[in-house]
Protein backbone atom coordinates (compact mmCIF):
# COMPACT_ATOMS: atom_id res chain seq x y z
CA MET A 1 16.59 -172.05 -80.94
CA SER A 2 15.49 -174.85 -78.77
CA ASP A 3 13.48 -177.81 -79.62
CA GLU A 4 11.27 -177.26 -76.44
CA ALA A 5 9.14 -174.19 -76.13
CA PHE A 6 7.40 -172.53 -72.98
CA VAL A 7 4.17 -171.02 -74.17
CA TYR A 8 2.68 -168.30 -72.25
CA ASP A 9 0.32 -165.24 -72.04
CA ASP A 10 1.60 -162.12 -73.09
CA ASP A 11 -1.10 -160.09 -71.93
CA CYS A 12 -0.31 -160.96 -68.46
CA GLY A 13 2.43 -159.21 -66.53
CA PHE A 14 2.66 -162.21 -64.08
CA CYS A 15 2.96 -164.84 -66.75
CA MET A 16 5.58 -162.70 -68.68
CA TRP A 17 7.61 -162.61 -65.36
CA TRP A 18 7.44 -166.40 -65.02
CA ALA A 19 8.42 -166.82 -68.97
CA ASP A 20 11.48 -164.10 -68.30
CA TYR A 21 12.48 -166.27 -65.28
CA PHE A 22 12.43 -169.52 -67.30
CA ALA A 23 14.22 -167.81 -70.22
CA ASP A 24 17.11 -166.79 -67.81
CA ARG A 25 17.44 -170.15 -66.30
CA THR A 26 16.65 -172.88 -69.15
CA ALA A 27 17.44 -173.43 -72.92
CA LEU A 28 13.33 -173.20 -73.38
CA GLU A 29 12.42 -171.02 -76.38
CA MET A 30 9.82 -168.50 -75.14
CA VAL A 31 6.59 -168.19 -77.38
CA ALA A 32 3.93 -165.82 -76.42
CA PHE A 33 0.54 -166.61 -77.40
CA SER A 34 0.38 -163.71 -79.78
CA GLU A 35 3.41 -165.35 -81.37
CA LEU A 36 2.11 -168.89 -81.95
CA SER A 37 2.77 -170.47 -85.20
CA ASP A 38 0.06 -172.31 -86.88
CA ASP A 39 2.00 -175.83 -86.32
CA ARG A 40 2.23 -175.14 -82.66
CA LEU A 41 -1.19 -173.89 -82.36
CA GLU A 42 -2.51 -177.33 -83.70
CA ARG A 43 -0.71 -178.99 -80.96
CA LEU A 44 -2.45 -177.33 -78.21
CA PRO A 45 -5.98 -177.74 -76.65
CA ASN A 46 -8.43 -175.74 -77.98
CA ASP A 47 -8.63 -173.77 -74.60
CA TYR A 48 -4.83 -173.04 -74.61
CA GLU A 49 -5.38 -169.73 -73.62
CA GLU A 50 -6.32 -170.90 -70.09
CA CYS A 51 -2.86 -171.94 -68.95
CA SER A 52 0.96 -172.20 -70.17
CA HIS A 53 2.16 -174.93 -72.04
CA LEU A 54 5.57 -176.86 -72.48
CA LEU A 55 6.18 -178.14 -75.73
CA THR A 56 8.68 -181.00 -76.82
CA ASP A 57 8.96 -183.13 -79.81
CA GLU A 58 6.63 -185.86 -78.48
CA GLU A 59 4.70 -184.17 -75.64
CA VAL A 60 2.56 -181.05 -74.85
CA PHE A 61 2.51 -180.24 -71.13
CA SER A 62 -0.31 -177.91 -70.13
CA CYS A 63 -0.98 -176.02 -66.81
CA GLY A 64 0.63 -177.33 -63.72
CA ALA A 65 2.40 -179.99 -65.69
CA ALA A 66 3.97 -177.12 -67.91
CA ILE A 67 5.28 -175.26 -64.63
CA GLU A 68 6.37 -178.46 -63.32
CA GLN A 69 8.28 -179.33 -66.43
CA ALA A 70 9.91 -175.81 -66.76
CA LEU A 71 10.84 -175.62 -63.09
CA ALA A 72 12.63 -179.27 -63.34
CA ARG A 73 14.71 -177.82 -66.44
CA ALA A 74 15.56 -174.75 -64.25
CA ASP A 75 16.50 -177.03 -61.47
CA VAL A 76 14.39 -175.16 -59.02
CA PRO A 77 14.49 -176.16 -56.47
CA PRO A 78 17.78 -177.83 -56.65
CA GLY A 79 17.05 -181.53 -57.63
CA ALA A 80 13.69 -180.60 -58.97
CA GLY A 81 13.68 -183.45 -61.57
CA ASP A 82 14.21 -186.10 -58.61
CA LEU A 83 11.68 -184.09 -56.46
CA PHE A 84 8.76 -184.35 -58.87
CA GLY A 85 9.65 -187.82 -59.98
CA PHE A 86 9.33 -188.92 -56.12
CA LEU A 87 6.06 -186.82 -55.98
CA ARG A 88 4.33 -188.44 -59.05
CA GLN A 89 4.50 -191.69 -56.93
CA PHE A 90 1.41 -190.35 -54.99
CA GLU A 91 -1.85 -190.79 -56.05
CA ASP A 92 -2.93 -187.17 -54.94
CA TYR A 93 0.08 -185.42 -56.61
CA GLU A 94 -1.26 -184.39 -60.00
CA ARG A 95 -4.58 -183.31 -58.59
CA LEU A 96 -2.91 -180.93 -55.90
CA ARG A 97 -0.41 -179.64 -58.52
CA GLU A 98 -3.12 -178.75 -60.81
CA GLU A 99 -5.33 -177.28 -58.16
CA LEU A 100 -2.13 -175.16 -57.01
CA TYR A 101 -1.64 -174.08 -60.54
CA ARG A 102 -5.36 -172.77 -60.79
CA ALA A 103 -5.21 -171.25 -57.62
CA GLY A 104 -2.28 -168.90 -58.74
CA ALA A 105 -3.64 -168.45 -62.23
CA ASP A 106 -7.09 -167.28 -60.96
CA ARG A 107 -5.15 -164.71 -58.81
CA ARG A 108 -2.72 -163.58 -61.37
CA ASP A 109 -3.85 -159.99 -61.22
CA VAL A 110 -3.18 -159.70 -57.65
CA LEU A 111 0.09 -161.99 -57.73
CA GLY A 112 1.15 -159.45 -60.68
CA GLN A 113 1.18 -156.70 -58.19
CA PHE A 114 4.24 -158.24 -56.56
CA VAL A 115 6.04 -159.92 -59.82
CA SER A 116 5.50 -158.62 -63.06
CA ALA A 117 7.14 -157.84 -66.34
CA GLU A 118 6.39 -155.75 -69.36
CA SER A 119 8.23 -158.07 -71.80
CA VAL A 120 10.10 -161.19 -71.80
CA GLY A 121 13.93 -161.37 -72.34
CA ASP A 122 14.83 -157.47 -71.58
């Protein structure tokens, strides 16, 4: 079991596709909303069901930051850690990252027609 966990919506085929993608490419533990333990749930924001999260021992990354962290761990694209570090230098990067996340999350029903999963890890 990893010390880091990616928390995702297991009622969403598009979300499960991403969780499966990260499960195949990282050491992150995949944790569905329906499987959250009380101690992990306490660490999440009250509106945790609004987006995905990445939990480490010290931090909780939510929404676009969670996807950024998961992509960096998956090294997608190659050199992602360096790329995201570079982008964080720019004032508008965080806003743009979160807007892109929200644009995808708000359209996950449509995006799920192209990539979707029924479960994670199968």
